[in-house]
Each structure stands twice: as C-alpha cells, then as structure tokens.
C-alpha cells in the first residue's frame, strides 16, 4: 500500500483548504494507482502543513523571504 506524504507551507493554501487537499489527494491517488496497477483506494495520502516561519530555504525561513520581496 503506497504512502504519499505531501508537505506544504500552510499559508499557501488558505481558501477552501479542505476541498483543495481532497482534489490533490484524488489526483495523486489516481496517478499512483494507474502507474502501479493498483486501486486508487489503496494509496494513502497524508498532508502536513508547516508554517512559513518553520519552513526554511537555506538559512532563511519562507516568512523572512516573503518579507524581503
């Protein structure tokens, strides 16, 4: 049973977050199911949202990088 872990910056999905995650999970499950020849229902998808202050790109947090723009 494949397990897919999707991590994203929390602030990137603010409106309709649950609907967007459901749509992503559906597409990912179908793609992996098709590629592996298994049922999409056998694919586990987990979302982990991380705050911009806790997600780093090199030495800077995403929050800091956004403030620099």
PDB file of N, CA and C in Angstrom:
ATOM      1  N   UNK A   1       0.853  -1.173   0.000  1.00  0.00           N
ATOM      2  CA  UNK A   1       0.000   0.000   0.000  1.00  0.00           C
ATOM      3  C   UNK A   1       0.905   1.244   0.000  1.00  0.00           C
ATOM      4  N   UNK A   2       0.954   2.002  -1.103  1.00  0.00           N
ATOM      5  CA  UNK A   2       1.795   3.197  -1.169  1.00  0.00           C
ATOM      6  C   UNK A   2       1.329   4.269  -0.184  1.00  0.00           C
ATOM      7  N   UNK A   3       2.291   4.975   0.353  1.00  0.00           N
ATOM      8  CA  UNK A   3       2.043   6.063   1.300  1.00  0.00           C
ATOM      9  C   UNK A   3       2.670   7.317   0.722  1.00  0.00           C
ATOM     10  N   UNK A   4       1.880   8.359   0.535  1.00  0.00           N
ATOM     11  CA  UNK A   4       2.361   9.623  -0.020  1.00  0.00           C
ATOM     12  C   UNK A   4       2.234  10.692   1.053  1.00  0.00           C
ATOM     13  N   UNK A   5       3.332  11.366   1.341  1.00  0.00           N
ATOM     14  CA  UNK A   5       3.342  12.436   2.331  1.00  0.00           C
ATOM     15  C   UNK A   5       3.556  13.745   1.584  1.00  0.00           C
ATOM     16  N   UNK A   6       2.590  14.637   1.663  1.00  0.00           N
ATOM     17  CA  UNK A   6       2.672  15.930   0.985  1.00  0.00           C
ATOM     18  C   UNK A   6       2.828  17.012   2.039  1.00  0.00           C
ATOM     19  N   UNK A   7       3.950  17.702   1.988  1.00  0.00           N
ATOM     20  CA  UNK A   7       4.198  18.807   2.920  1.00  0.00           C
ATOM     21  C   UNK A   7       4.090  20.110   2.146  1.00  0.00           C
ATOM     22  N   UNK A   8       3.485  21.089   2.792  1.00  0.00           N
ATOM     23  CA  UNK A   8       3.318  22.380   2.131  1.00  0.00           C
ATOM     24  C   UNK A   8       3.329  23.490   3.168  1.00  0.00           C
ATOM     25  N   UNK A   9       3.615  24.691   2.697  1.00  0.00           N
ATOM     26  CA  UNK A   9       3.585  25.859   3.574  1.00  0.00           C
ATOM     27  C   UNK A   9       2.120  26.212   3.808  1.00  0.00           C
ATOM     28  N   UNK A  10       1.728  26.193   5.067  1.00  0.00           N
ATOM     29  CA  UNK A  10       0.329  26.391   5.478  1.00  0.00           C
ATOM     30  C   UNK A  10      -0.299  27.608   4.802  1.00  0.00           C
ATOM     31  N   UNK A  11       0.427  28.694   4.741  1.00  0.00           N
ATOM     32  CA  UNK A  11      -0.121  29.938   4.209  1.00  0.00           C
ATOM     33  C   UNK A  11      -0.362  29.891   2.697  1.00  0.00           C
ATOM     34  N   UNK A  12       0.144  28.874   2.019  1.00  0.00           N
ATOM     35  CA  UNK A  12      -0.063  28.753   0.572  1.00  0.00           C
ATOM     36  C   UNK A  12      -1.461  28.251   0.214  1.00  0.00           C
ATOM     37  N   UNK A  13      -2.112  27.579   1.150  1.00  0.00           N
ATOM     38  CA  UNK A  13      -3.477  27.090   0.904  1.00  0.00           C
ATOM     39  C   UNK A  13      -4.355  27.624   2.029  1.00  0.00           C
ATOM     40  N   UNK A  14      -5.007  28.735   1.765  1.00  0.00           N
ATOM     41  CA  UNK A  14      -5.822  29.347   2.813  1.00  0.00           C
ATOM     42  C   UNK A  14      -7.314  29.220   2.526  1.00  0.00           C
ATOM     43  N   UNK A  15      -7.716  29.484   1.300  1.00  0.00           N
ATOM     44  CA  UNK A  15      -9.136  29.411   0.952  1.00  0.00           C
ATOM     45  C   UNK A  15      -9.486  28.002   0.475  1.00  0.00           C
ATOM     46  N   UNK A  16     -10.581  27.468   0.981  1.00  0.00           N
ATOM     47  CA  UNK A  16     -11.061  26.139   0.575  1.00  0.00           C
ATOM     48  C   UNK A  16      -9.988  25.065   0.728  1.00  0.00           C
ATOM     49  N   UNK A  17      -9.230  25.135   1.807  1.00  0.00           N
ATOM     50  CA  UNK A  17      -8.105  24.220   2.010  1.00  0.00           C
ATOM     51  C   UNK A  17      -8.528  22.757   1.947  1.00  0.00           C
ATOM     52  N   UNK A  18      -9.619  22.411   2.601  1.00  0.00           N
ATOM     53  CA  UNK A  18     -10.044  21.006   2.622  1.00  0.00           C
ATOM     54  C   UNK A  18     -10.424  20.521   1.228  1.00  0.00           C
ATOM     55  N   UNK A  19     -11.123  21.347   0.476  1.00  0.00           N
ATOM     56  CA  UNK A  19     -11.515  20.964  -0.885  1.00  0.00           C
ATOM     57  C   UNK A  19     -10.288  20.825  -1.783  1.00  0.00           C
ATOM     58  N   UNK A  20      -9.330  21.723  -1.625  1.00  0.00           N
ATOM     59  CA  UNK A  20      -8.109  21.652  -2.433  1.00  0.00           C
ATOM     60  C   UNK A  20      -7.307  20.403  -2.090  1.00  0.00           C
ATOM     61  N   UNK A  21      -7.190  20.099  -0.797  1.00  0.00           N
ATOM     62  CA  UNK A  21      -6.452  18.899  -0.396  1.00  0.00           C
ATOM     63  C   UNK A  21      -7.158  17.642  -0.904  1.00  0.00           C
ATOM     64  N   UNK A  22      -8.475  17.625  -0.858  1.00  0.00           N
ATOM     65  CA  UNK A  22      -9.225  16.471  -1.362  1.00  0.00           C
ATOM     66  C   UNK A  22      -8.987  16.279  -2.860  1.00  0.00           C
ATOM     67  N   UNK A  23      -8.963  17.376  -3.607  1.00  0.00           N
ATOM     68  CA  UNK A  23      -8.726  17.293  -5.049  1.00  0.00           C
ATOM     69  C   UNK A  23      -7.311  16.795  -5.341  1.00  0.00           C
ATOM     70  N   UNK A  24      -6.342  17.286  -4.581  1.00  0.00           N
ATOM     71  CA  UNK A  24      -4.957  16.837  -4.756  1.00  0.00           C
ATOM     72  C   UNK A  24      -4.840  15.354  -4.423  1.00  0.00           C
ATOM     73  N   UNK A  25      -5.426  14.938  -3.304  1.00  0.00           N
ATOM     74  CA  UNK A  25      -5.366  13.532  -2.895  1.00  0.00           C
ATOM     75  C   UNK A  25      -5.993  12.631  -3.956  1.00  0.00           C
ATOM     76  N   UNK A  26      -7.095  13.071  -4.538  1.00  0.00           N
ATOM     77  CA  UNK A  26      -7.766  12.300  -5.580  1.00  0.00           C
ATOM     78  C   UNK A  26      -6.849  12.109  -6.784  1.00  0.00           C
ATOM     79  N   UNK A  27      -6.234  13.199  -7.240  1.00  0.00           N
ATOM     80  CA  UNK A  27      -5.365  13.126  -8.416  1.00  0.00           C
ATOM     81  C   UNK A  27      -4.118  12.293  -8.146  1.00  0.00           C
ATOM     82  N   UNK A  28      -3.517  12.476  -6.982  1.00  0.00           N
ATOM     83  CA  UNK A  28      -2.313  11.718  -6.626  1.00  0.00           C
ATOM     84  C   UNK A  28      -2.641  10.228  -6.528  1.00  0.00           C
ATOM     85  N   UNK A  29      -3.739   9.905  -5.866  1.00  0.00           N
ATOM     86  CA  UNK A  29      -4.142   8.503  -5.712  1.00  0.00           C
ATOM     87  C   UNK A  29      -4.393   7.842  -7.061  1.00  0.00           C
ATOM     88  N   UNK A  30      -5.069   8.560  -7.940  1.00  0.00           N
ATOM     89  CA  UNK A  30      -5.350   8.009  -9.268  1.00  0.00           C
ATOM     90  C   UNK A  30      -4.066   7.816 -10.070  1.00  0.00           C
ATOM     91  N   UNK A  31      -3.161   8.798 -10.022  1.00  0.00           N
ATOM     92  CA  UNK A  31      -1.912   8.708 -10.783  1.00  0.00           C
ATOM     93  C   UNK A  31      -1.047   7.543 -10.296  1.00  0.00           C
ATOM     94  N   UNK A  32      -0.901   7.412  -8.995  1.00  0.00           N
ATOM     95  CA  UNK A  32      -0.089   6.323  -8.450  1.00  0.00           C
ATOM     96  C   UNK A  32      -0.771   4.978  -8.685  1.00  0.00           C
ATOM     97  N   UNK A  33      -2.079   4.954  -8.504  1.00  0.00           N
ATOM     98  CA  UNK A  33      -2.815   3.721  -8.761  1.00  0.00           C
ATOM     99  C   UNK A  33      -2.641   3.251 -10.194  1.00  0.00           C
ATOM    100  N   UNK A  34      -2.758   4.181 -11.133  1.00  0.00           N
ATOM    101  CA  UNK A  34      -2.601   3.843 -12.546  1.00  0.00           C
ATOM    102  C   UNK A  34      -1.174   3.378 -12.838  1.00  0.00           C
ATOM    103  N   UNK A  35      -0.187   4.095 -12.330  1.00  0.00           N
ATOM    104  CA  UNK A  35       1.212   3.755 -12.590  1.00  0.00           C
ATOM    105  C   UNK A  35       1.600   2.398 -12.003  1.00  0.00           C
ATOM    106  N   UNK A  36       1.013   2.051 -10.866  1.00  0.00           N
ATOM    107  CA  UNK A  36       1.369   0.803 -10.188  1.00  0.00           C
ATOM    108  C   UNK A  36       0.401  -0.338 -10.479  1.00  0.00           C
ATOM    109  N   UNK A  37      -0.679  -0.024 -11.183  1.00  0.00           N
ATOM    110  CA  UNK A  37      -1.664  -1.051 -11.493  1.00  0.00           C
ATOM    111  C   UNK A  37      -2.443  -1.514 -10.271  1.00  0.00           C
ATOM    112  N   UNK A  38      -2.729  -0.558  -9.373  1.00  0.00           N
ATOM    113  CA  UNK A  38      -3.484  -0.876  -8.160  1.00  0.00           C
ATOM    114  C   UNK A  38      -4.676   0.068  -8.049  1.00  0.00           C
ATOM    115  N   UNK A  39      -5.548  -0.226  -7.132  1.00  0.00           N
ATOM    116  CA  UNK A  39      -6.709   0.626  -6.894  1.00  0.00           C
ATOM    117  C   UNK A  39      -6.273   1.939  -6.243  1.00  0.00           C
ATOM    118  N   UNK A  40      -6.820   3.074  -6.697  1.00  0.00           N
ATOM    119  CA  UNK A  40      -6.519   4.345  -6.030  1.00  0.00           C
ATOM    120  C   UNK A  40      -6.870   4.312  -4.544  1.00  0.00           C
ATOM    121  N   UNK A  41      -7.825   3.464  -4.175  1.00  0.00           N
ATOM    122  CA  UNK A  41      -8.212   3.333  -2.778  1.00  0.00           C
ATOM    123  C   UNK A  41      -7.151   2.673  -1.912  1.00  0.00           C
ATOM    124  N   UNK A  42      -6.130   2.122  -2.552  1.00  0.00           N
ATOM    125  CA  UNK A  42      -5.029   1.501  -1.813  1.00  0.00           C
ATOM    126  C   UNK A  42      -3.900   2.481  -1.519  1.00  0.00           C
ATOM    127  N   UNK A  43      -4.032   3.699  -2.015  1.00  0.00           N
ATOM    128  CA  UNK A  43      -2.983   4.710  -1.837  1.00  0.00           C
ATOM    129  C   UNK A  43      -3.338   5.593  -0.650  1.00  0.00           C
ATOM    130  N   UNK A  44      -2.419   5.699   0.275  1.00  0.00           N
ATOM    131  CA  UNK A  44      -2.614   6.584   1.429  1.00  0.00           C
ATOM    132  C   UNK A  44      -1.972   7.927   1.127  1.00  0.00           C
ATOM    133  N   UNK A  45      -2.685   9.013   1.400  1.00  0.00           N
ATOM    134  CA  UNK A  45      -2.159  10.361   1.201  1.00  0.00           C
ATOM    135  C   UNK A  45      -2.311  11.123   2.510  1.00  0.00           C
ATOM    136  N   UNK A  46      -1.206  11.684   2.977  1.00  0.00           N
ATOM    137  CA  UNK A  46      -1.208  12.457   4.219  1.00  0.00           C
ATOM    138  C   UNK A  46      -0.669  13.847   3.915  1.00  0.00           C
ATOM    139  N   UNK A  47      -1.352  14.859   4.428  1.00  0.00           N
ATOM    140  CA  UNK A  47      -0.912  16.239   4.264  1.00  0.00           C
ATOM    141  C   UNK A  47      -0.326  16.744   5.575  1.00  0.00           C
ATOM    142  N   UNK A  48       0.806  17.412   5.472  1.00  0.00           N
ATOM    143  CA  UNK A  48       1.416  18.051   6.633  1.00  0.00           C
ATOM    144  C   UNK A  48       1.605  19.521   6.290  1.00  0.00           C
ATOM    145  N   UNK A  49       0.909  20.368   7.019  1.00  0.00           N
ATOM    146  CA  UNK A  49       1.085  21.795   6.782  1.00  0.00           C
ATOM    147  C   UNK A  49       2.098  22.341   7.789  1.00  0.00           C
ATOM    148  N   UNK A  50       3.017  23.132   7.270  1.00  0.00           N
ATOM    149  CA  UNK A  50       4.089  23.712   8.072  1.00  0.00           C
ATOM    150  C   UNK A  50       3.997  25.224   7.931  1.00  0.00           C
ATOM    151  N   UNK A  51       4.073  25.926   9.026  1.00  0.00           N
ATOM    152  CA  UNK A  51       4.016  27.383   8.983  1.00  0.00           C
ATOM    153  C   UNK A  51       5.210  27.983   8.254  1.00  0.00           C
ATOM    154  N   UNK A  52       5.003  29.122   7.628  1.00  0.00           N
ATOM    155  CA  UNK A  52       6.062  29.790   6.871  1.00  0.00           C
ATOM    156  C   UNK A  52       7.271  30.111   7.741  1.00  0.00           C
ATOM    157  N   UNK A  53       7.058  30.338   9.029  1.00  0.00           N
ATOM    158  CA  UNK A  53       8.168  30.637   9.937  1.00  0.00           C
ATOM    159  C   UNK A  53       9.002  29.393  10.233  1.00  0.00           C
ATOM    160  N   UNK A  54       8.451  28.210   9.967  1.00  0.00           N
ATOM    161  CA  UNK A  54       9.145  26.959  10.261  1.00  0.00           C
ATOM    162  C   UNK A  54       9.690  26.242   9.030  1.00  0.00           C
ATOM    163  N   UNK A  55       9.453  26.801   7.848  1.00  0.00           N
ATOM    164  CA  UNK A  55       9.915  26.182   6.601  1.00  0.00           C
ATOM    165  C   UNK A  55      11.085  27.015   6.099  1.00  0.00           C
ATOM    166  N   UNK A  56      12.229  26.388   6.000  1.00  0.00           N
ATOM    167  CA  UNK A  56      13.438  27.112   5.613  1.00  0.00           C
ATOM    168  C   UNK A  56      13.917  26.725   4.228  1.00  0.00           C
ATOM    169  N   UNK A  57      14.428  27.724   3.538  1.00  0.00           N
ATOM    170  CA  UNK A  57      15.100  27.547   2.262  1.00  0.00           C
ATOM    171  C   UNK A  57      16.497  28.098   2.502  1.00  0.00           C
ATOM    172  N   UNK A  58      17.443  27.200   2.635  1.00  0.00           N
ATOM    173  CA  UNK A  58      18.778  27.636   3.046  1.00  0.00           C
ATOM    174  C   UNK A  58      18.682  28.216   4.447  1.00  0.00           C
ATOM    175  N   UNK A  59      19.305  29.376   4.680  1.00  0.00           N
ATOM    176  CA  UNK A  59      19.313  29.946   6.029  1.00  0.00           C
ATOM    177  C   UNK A  59      18.090  30.792   6.372  1.00  0.00           C
ATOM    178  N   UNK A  60      17.189  30.990   5.410  1.00  0.00           N
ATOM    179  CA  UNK A  60      16.055  31.893   5.621  1.00  0.00           C
ATOM    180  C   UNK A  60      14.728  31.141   5.647  1.00  0.00           C
ATOM    181  N   UNK A  61      13.845  31.561   6.553  1.00  0.00           N
ATOM    182  CA  UNK A  61      12.500  30.982   6.569  1.00  0.00           C
ATOM    183  C   UNK A  61      11.703  31.559   5.401  1.00  0.00           C
ATOM    184  N   UNK A  62      10.675  30.852   5.009  1.00  0.00           N
ATOM    185  CA  UNK A  62       9.803  31.349   3.945  1.00  0.00           C
ATOM    186  C   UNK A  62       9.193  32.679   4.374  1.00  0.00           C
ATOM    187  N   UNK A  63       8.868  32.787   5.647  1.00  0.00           N
ATOM    188  CA  UNK A  63       8.314  34.036   6.172  1.00  0.00           C
ATOM    189  C   UNK A  63       9.283  35.191   5.944  1.00  0.00           C
ATOM    190  N   UNK A  64      10.552  34.976   6.240  1.00  0.00           N
ATOM    191  CA  UNK A  64      11.574  36.010   6.043  1.00  0.00           C
ATOM    192  C   UNK A  64      11.736  36.332   4.568  1.00  0.00           C
ATOM    193  N   UNK A  65      11.769  35.307   3.733  1.00  0.00           N
ATOM    194  CA  UNK A  65      11.918  35.525   2.296  1.00  0.00           C
ATOM    195  C   UNK A  65      10.756  36.332   1.734  1.00  0.00           C
ATOM    196  N   UNK A  66       9.563  36.077   2.217  1.00  0.00           N
ATOM    197  CA  UNK A  66       8.396  36.827   1.734  1.00  0.00           C
ATOM    198  C   UNK A  66       8.459  38.284   2.162  1.00  0.00           C
ATOM    199  N   UNK A  67       9.009  38.542   3.327  1.00  0.00           N
ATOM    200  CA  UNK A  67       9.132  39.922   3.798  1.00  0.00           C
ATOM    201  C   UNK A  67      10.149  40.693   2.974  1.00  0.00           C
ATOM    202  N   UNK A  68      11.127  40.000   2.412  1.00  0.00           N
ATOM    203  CA  UNK A  68      12.176  40.638   1.611  1.00  0.00           C
ATOM    204  C   UNK A  68      11.668  41.076   0.243  1.00  0.00           C
ATOM    205  N   UNK A  69      10.553  40.484  -0.204  1.00  0.00           N
ATOM    206  CA  UNK A  69      10.027  40.811  -1.544  1.00  0.00           C
ATOM    207  C   UNK A  69       9.484  42.197  -1.606  1.00  0.00           C
TER     208      UNK A  69
END
